[in-house]
């Protein structure tokens, strides 16, 4: 009886996953390889012509190869932002876990607030303008780090809770300073959750649409998600090119998820169990 229930639950989960993920993905691929007139119907009809190379070429060459510049910008944004998120979140989580007290309780409240309270666009723009970083890549990097830091701190803190304090004391007796203790002793032990933070953070930053749109406008500063505007306007939309652009944008995060899915789940569940 228990086996039948388990089989039924797995079947339901498979059907739901198919409806939620595979059907939209199939529709996206079908529309991307159609001609402009047939793609405007927005249906699941099989393509009558196959202008795959033409659609791909038009997407890449649109607006003076803005997609290639956008890929470069998104790559720089993702690498730098995730690197800062990993370092800052791991260090903050280590301090919060090891030093409990009133200040730690206040810091924990601020971390939870970062997960609950939605970002405020206008005050953030005012702040970036005040420090001279509005419409700059460093400004957007700081925004991405700030908005994604709380989740990373929670993951790291749950994992650090499983590391015995005796290890810290032994390292300090051997002459390690605070930074040496963290980077030489503690941080290497955080490899599973670090991989999880890198992968989830990379997908979140690379797929971010709102923050680059507001804080880094302009074709020269475009990221891959903002290029979706290239093929839609107030009066018409080139659906085949729009969906081809979506396919090109979706491929890197999708491949990362497929190849590192087990590491993502292992890091998150490991941290949850150890916390």
Protein backbone atom coordinates (compact mmCIF):
# COMPACT_ATOMS: atom_id res chain seq x y z
CA UNK A 1 0.00 0.00 0.00
CA UNK A 2 2.82 2.35 0.90
CA UNK A 3 4.55 1.51 -2.39
CA UNK A 4 1.40 2.38 -4.36
CA UNK A 5 1.09 5.72 -2.56
CA UNK A 6 4.73 6.49 -3.28
CA UNK A 7 4.30 5.55 -6.93
CA UNK A 8 1.18 7.70 -7.17
CA UNK A 9 2.94 10.69 -5.61
CA UNK A 10 5.87 10.32 -8.02
CA UNK A 11 3.50 10.13 -10.97
CA UNK A 12 1.67 13.27 -9.88
CA UNK A 13 4.98 15.09 -9.38
CA UNK A 14 6.13 14.01 -12.86
CA UNK A 15 2.90 15.23 -14.46
CA UNK A 16 3.11 18.57 -12.65
CA UNK A 17 6.75 19.00 -13.67
CA UNK A 18 5.84 18.23 -17.28
CA UNK A 19 3.04 20.79 -17.31
CA UNK A 20 5.03 23.50 -15.52
CA UNK A 21 8.41 23.11 -17.24
CA UNK A 22 8.42 20.95 -20.37
CA UNK A 23 5.31 22.34 -22.08
CA UNK A 24 6.42 26.02 -21.88
CA UNK A 25 9.95 25.03 -22.90
CA UNK A 26 8.63 23.10 -25.91
CA UNK A 27 6.46 26.05 -26.92
CA UNK A 28 9.49 28.36 -26.64
CA UNK A 29 11.64 26.12 -28.86
CA UNK A 30 8.89 25.66 -31.47
CA UNK A 31 8.25 29.40 -31.73
CA UNK A 32 11.99 30.17 -31.92
CA UNK A 33 12.48 28.05 -35.06
CA UNK A 34 9.43 29.32 -36.97
CA UNK A 35 9.16 32.09 -39.52
CA UNK A 36 7.88 35.49 -38.44
CA UNK A 37 4.35 35.11 -39.84
CA UNK A 38 3.75 31.63 -38.42
CA UNK A 39 5.29 32.53 -35.05
CA UNK A 40 2.74 35.34 -34.70
CA UNK A 41 0.01 32.68 -34.28
CA UNK A 42 1.55 31.63 -30.93
CA UNK A 43 0.43 28.01 -31.16
CA UNK A 44 1.95 24.53 -31.01
CA UNK A 45 1.71 23.98 -34.78
CA UNK A 46 4.70 22.29 -36.39
CA UNK A 47 6.86 24.75 -38.39
CA UNK A 48 6.16 24.87 -42.12
CA UNK A 49 9.65 26.32 -42.67
CA UNK A 50 12.87 26.08 -40.65
CA UNK A 51 14.69 29.45 -40.60
CA UNK A 52 16.78 28.45 -37.57
CA UNK A 53 20.09 29.88 -38.79
CA UNK A 54 18.40 33.05 -40.06
CA UNK A 55 16.64 33.66 -36.73
CA UNK A 56 19.84 32.98 -34.81
CA UNK A 57 21.83 35.35 -37.01
CA UNK A 58 19.26 38.14 -36.74
CA UNK A 59 19.17 37.85 -32.95
CA UNK A 60 22.97 38.04 -32.66
CA UNK A 61 23.32 40.92 -35.16
CA UNK A 62 20.40 42.96 -33.76
CA UNK A 63 21.27 46.53 -32.74
CA UNK A 64 24.94 46.23 -33.65
CA UNK A 65 25.58 42.92 -31.85
CA UNK A 66 24.18 44.10 -28.54
CA UNK A 67 23.61 40.49 -27.43
CA UNK A 68 27.36 39.76 -27.48
CA UNK A 69 28.06 42.86 -25.39
CA UNK A 70 25.25 41.87 -23.09
CA UNK A 71 26.76 38.40 -22.59
CA UNK A 72 30.09 40.00 -21.68
CA UNK A 73 28.41 42.39 -19.24
CA UNK A 74 26.35 39.61 -17.67
CA UNK A 75 29.42 37.40 -17.32
CA UNK A 76 31.40 40.14 -15.56
CA UNK A 77 28.43 41.03 -13.38
CA UNK A 78 27.82 37.41 -12.39
CA UNK A 79 31.44 36.47 -11.63
CA UNK A 80 32.26 39.55 -9.55
CA UNK A 81 28.93 39.63 -7.72
CA UNK A 82 28.98 35.94 -6.79
CA UNK A 83 32.61 36.13 -5.65
CA UNK A 84 31.78 39.00 -3.31
CA UNK A 85 28.61 37.28 -2.10
CA UNK A 86 30.52 34.11 -1.20
CA UNK A 87 33.29 35.91 0.70
CA UNK A 88 31.11 38.42 2.55
CA UNK A 89 28.33 35.93 3.36
CA UNK A 90 30.73 33.28 4.66
CA UNK A 91 32.60 35.78 6.86
CA UNK A 92 29.38 37.30 8.20
CA UNK A 93 27.85 33.89 8.88
CA UNK A 94 30.98 32.77 10.75
CA UNK A 95 30.91 35.82 13.03
CA UNK A 96 27.16 35.56 13.63
CA UNK A 97 27.41 31.87 14.48
CA UNK A 98 30.42 32.16 16.77
CA UNK A 99 29.58 35.43 18.59
CA UNK A 100 26.09 35.40 20.00
CA UNK A 101 24.82 38.45 21.88
CA UNK A 102 22.72 41.55 21.48
CA UNK A 103 24.67 42.78 18.47
CA UNK A 104 24.43 39.31 16.93
CA UNK A 105 20.67 39.26 17.52
CA UNK A 106 20.35 42.64 15.81
CA UNK A 107 22.47 41.39 12.88
CA UNK A 108 20.28 38.28 12.60
CA UNK A 109 17.20 40.50 12.50
CA UNK A 110 18.73 42.55 9.68
CA UNK A 111 19.58 39.37 7.75
CA UNK A 112 16.00 38.11 8.09
CA UNK A 113 14.73 41.55 7.09
CA UNK A 114 16.75 41.24 3.89
CA UNK A 115 14.81 38.07 3.06
CA UNK A 116 11.39 39.48 3.93
CA UNK A 117 11.38 43.15 2.99
CA UNK A 118 11.21 43.76 -0.80
CA UNK A 119 13.89 45.99 -2.37
CA UNK A 120 13.08 49.69 -2.72
CA UNK A 121 14.04 50.96 -6.17
CA UNK A 122 13.85 54.75 -5.74
CA UNK A 123 15.84 55.00 -2.46
CA UNK A 124 18.47 52.70 -3.96
CA UNK A 125 18.78 54.98 -6.99
CA UNK A 126 19.15 57.99 -4.68
CA UNK A 127 21.91 56.23 -2.76
CA UNK A 128 23.77 55.22 -5.91
CA UNK A 129 23.52 58.77 -7.25
CA UNK A 130 24.85 60.15 -3.97
CA UNK A 131 27.97 57.97 -4.13
CA UNK A 132 28.40 58.41 -7.88
CA UNK A 133 27.73 54.79 -8.88
CA UNK A 134 24.37 55.07 -10.63
CA UNK A 135 24.43 53.70 -14.21
CA UNK A 136 27.79 52.01 -13.57
CA UNK A 137 28.76 48.34 -13.41
CA UNK A 138 30.28 48.65 -9.89
CA UNK A 139 27.00 50.15 -8.68
CA UNK A 140 24.97 47.28 -10.12
CA UNK A 141 27.41 44.77 -8.62
CA UNK A 142 26.89 46.29 -5.17
CA UNK A 143 23.11 46.11 -5.66
CA UNK A 144 23.26 42.43 -6.62
CA UNK A 145 25.49 41.66 -3.65
CA UNK A 146 23.19 43.50 -1.24
CA UNK A 147 19.99 41.88 -2.54
CA UNK A 148 21.40 38.31 -2.56
CA UNK A 149 23.52 38.43 0.58
CA UNK A 150 20.87 37.48 3.14
CA UNK A 151 20.01 34.13 1.56
CA UNK A 152 23.70 33.22 1.29
CA UNK A 153 24.32 34.15 4.94
CA UNK A 154 21.50 31.85 6.05
CA UNK A 155 22.97 28.92 4.09
CA UNK A 156 26.50 29.48 5.36
CA UNK A 157 25.40 29.93 8.96
CA UNK A 158 23.49 26.65 9.00
CA UNK A 159 26.57 24.85 7.72
CA UNK A 160 29.03 26.58 10.09
CA UNK A 161 26.92 25.48 13.06
CA UNK A 162 28.16 21.92 12.48
CA UNK A 163 31.84 22.90 12.74
CA UNK A 164 33.03 22.36 16.35
CA UNK A 165 34.36 25.35 18.24
CA UNK A 166 37.29 23.26 19.44
CA UNK A 167 38.71 23.55 15.94
CA UNK A 168 38.77 27.34 16.31
CA UNK A 169 40.46 27.12 19.69
CA UNK A 170 43.12 24.74 18.42
CA UNK A 171 43.90 27.02 15.48
CA UNK A 172 44.15 30.07 17.75
CA UNK A 173 46.52 28.18 20.09
CA UNK A 174 48.70 27.40 17.06
CA UNK A 175 48.98 31.13 16.40
CA UNK A 176 46.31 31.77 13.76
CA UNK A 177 44.84 35.24 13.58
CA UNK A 178 41.13 35.78 12.97
CA UNK A 179 41.49 35.98 9.19
CA UNK A 180 43.90 33.04 9.08
CA UNK A 181 41.48 30.97 11.17
CA UNK A 182 38.65 31.69 8.76
CA UNK A 183 40.42 31.34 5.41
CA UNK A 184 42.81 28.47 6.29
CA UNK A 185 40.67 26.39 8.64
CA UNK A 186 36.95 27.17 8.38
CA UNK A 187 36.42 28.24 4.78
CA UNK A 188 37.86 25.04 3.19
CA UNK A 189 35.30 23.05 5.22
CA UNK A 190 32.46 25.03 3.63
CA UNK A 191 33.03 23.64 0.14
CA UNK A 192 29.59 21.93 -0.27
CA UNK A 193 27.56 24.98 0.73
CA UNK A 194 29.95 27.28 -1.16
CA UNK A 195 29.19 25.38 -4.37
CA UNK A 196 25.48 25.73 -3.66
CA UNK A 197 25.78 29.49 -3.09
CA UNK A 198 27.88 29.92 -6.24
CA UNK A 199 25.40 28.07 -8.44
CA UNK A 200 22.20 29.55 -7.03
CA UNK A 201 23.72 33.03 -6.91
CA UNK A 202 25.01 32.77 -10.48
CA UNK A 203 21.60 31.78 -11.81
CA UNK A 204 19.90 34.56 -9.82
CA UNK A 205 22.30 37.28 -10.95
CA UNK A 206 22.54 36.11 -14.56
CA UNK A 207 18.76 35.89 -14.88
CA UNK A 208 18.09 39.20 -13.11
CA UNK A 209 15.99 41.54 -15.22
CA UNK A 210 14.73 44.28 -12.90
CA UNK A 211 17.99 45.49 -11.36
CA UNK A 212 19.92 45.98 -14.65
CA UNK A 213 16.86 47.67 -16.15
CA UNK A 214 16.66 50.26 -13.37
CA UNK A 215 20.26 50.68 -12.24
CA UNK A 216 22.25 50.15 -15.45
CA UNK A 217 20.23 51.45 -18.45
CA UNK A 218 21.67 51.87 -21.94
CA UNK A 219 22.73 49.59 -24.83
CA UNK A 220 26.41 49.70 -23.90
CA UNK A 221 25.59 48.47 -20.40
CA UNK A 222 22.87 45.99 -21.39
CA UNK A 223 22.70 42.55 -19.80
CA UNK A 224 21.24 39.51 -21.52
CA UNK A 225 17.79 39.81 -19.94
CA UNK A 226 17.37 43.41 -21.08
CA UNK A 227 17.98 42.39 -24.72
CA UNK A 228 14.45 40.95 -24.75
CA UNK A 229 13.26 44.49 -25.46
CA UNK A 230 15.03 44.39 -28.84
CA UNK A 231 12.23 42.44 -30.50
CA UNK A 232 9.09 43.92 -28.96
CA UNK A 233 7.56 47.35 -29.31
CA UNK A 234 4.29 49.12 -28.67
CA UNK A 235 2.75 48.06 -31.96
CA UNK A 236 4.46 44.82 -33.00
CA UNK A 237 6.55 41.95 -31.67
CA UNK A 238 8.82 39.59 -33.61
CA UNK A 239 7.88 36.50 -31.66
CA UNK A 240 10.28 34.14 -33.42
CA UNK A 241 13.28 36.37 -32.68
CA UNK A 242 12.09 37.10 -29.16
CA UNK A 243 11.84 33.40 -28.32
CA UNK A 244 15.16 32.67 -30.02
CA UNK A 245 16.70 35.29 -27.77
CA UNK A 246 15.06 33.61 -24.77
CA UNK A 247 16.53 30.27 -25.83
CA UNK A 248 20.04 31.74 -26.03
CA UNK A 249 19.60 33.35 -22.62
CA UNK A 250 18.17 30.22 -21.03
CA UNK A 251 20.89 27.80 -22.17
CA UNK A 252 23.72 28.73 -19.69
CA UNK A 253 21.58 28.59 -16.49
CA UNK A 254 19.83 25.45 -17.73
CA UNK A 255 23.12 23.65 -18.36
CA UNK A 256 24.43 24.74 -14.96
CA UNK A 257 21.31 23.35 -13.28
CA UNK A 258 21.43 20.05 -15.19
CA UNK A 259 25.10 19.33 -14.48
CA UNK A 260 25.21 20.59 -10.88
CA UNK A 261 21.71 19.74 -9.66
CA UNK A 262 22.93 17.14 -7.17
CA UNK A 263 25.51 19.52 -5.69
CA UNK A 264 22.89 22.24 -5.27
CA UNK A 265 20.50 19.90 -3.45
CA UNK A 266 23.29 18.36 -1.36
CA UNK A 267 24.57 21.75 -0.22
CA UNK A 268 21.13 23.07 0.73
CA UNK A 269 19.88 19.92 2.47
CA UNK A 270 23.25 19.39 4.17
CA UNK A 271 23.13 22.88 5.61
CA UNK A 272 19.52 22.41 6.69
CA UNK A 273 20.27 19.12 8.44
CA UNK A 274 23.40 20.39 10.12
CA UNK A 275 21.72 23.62 11.21
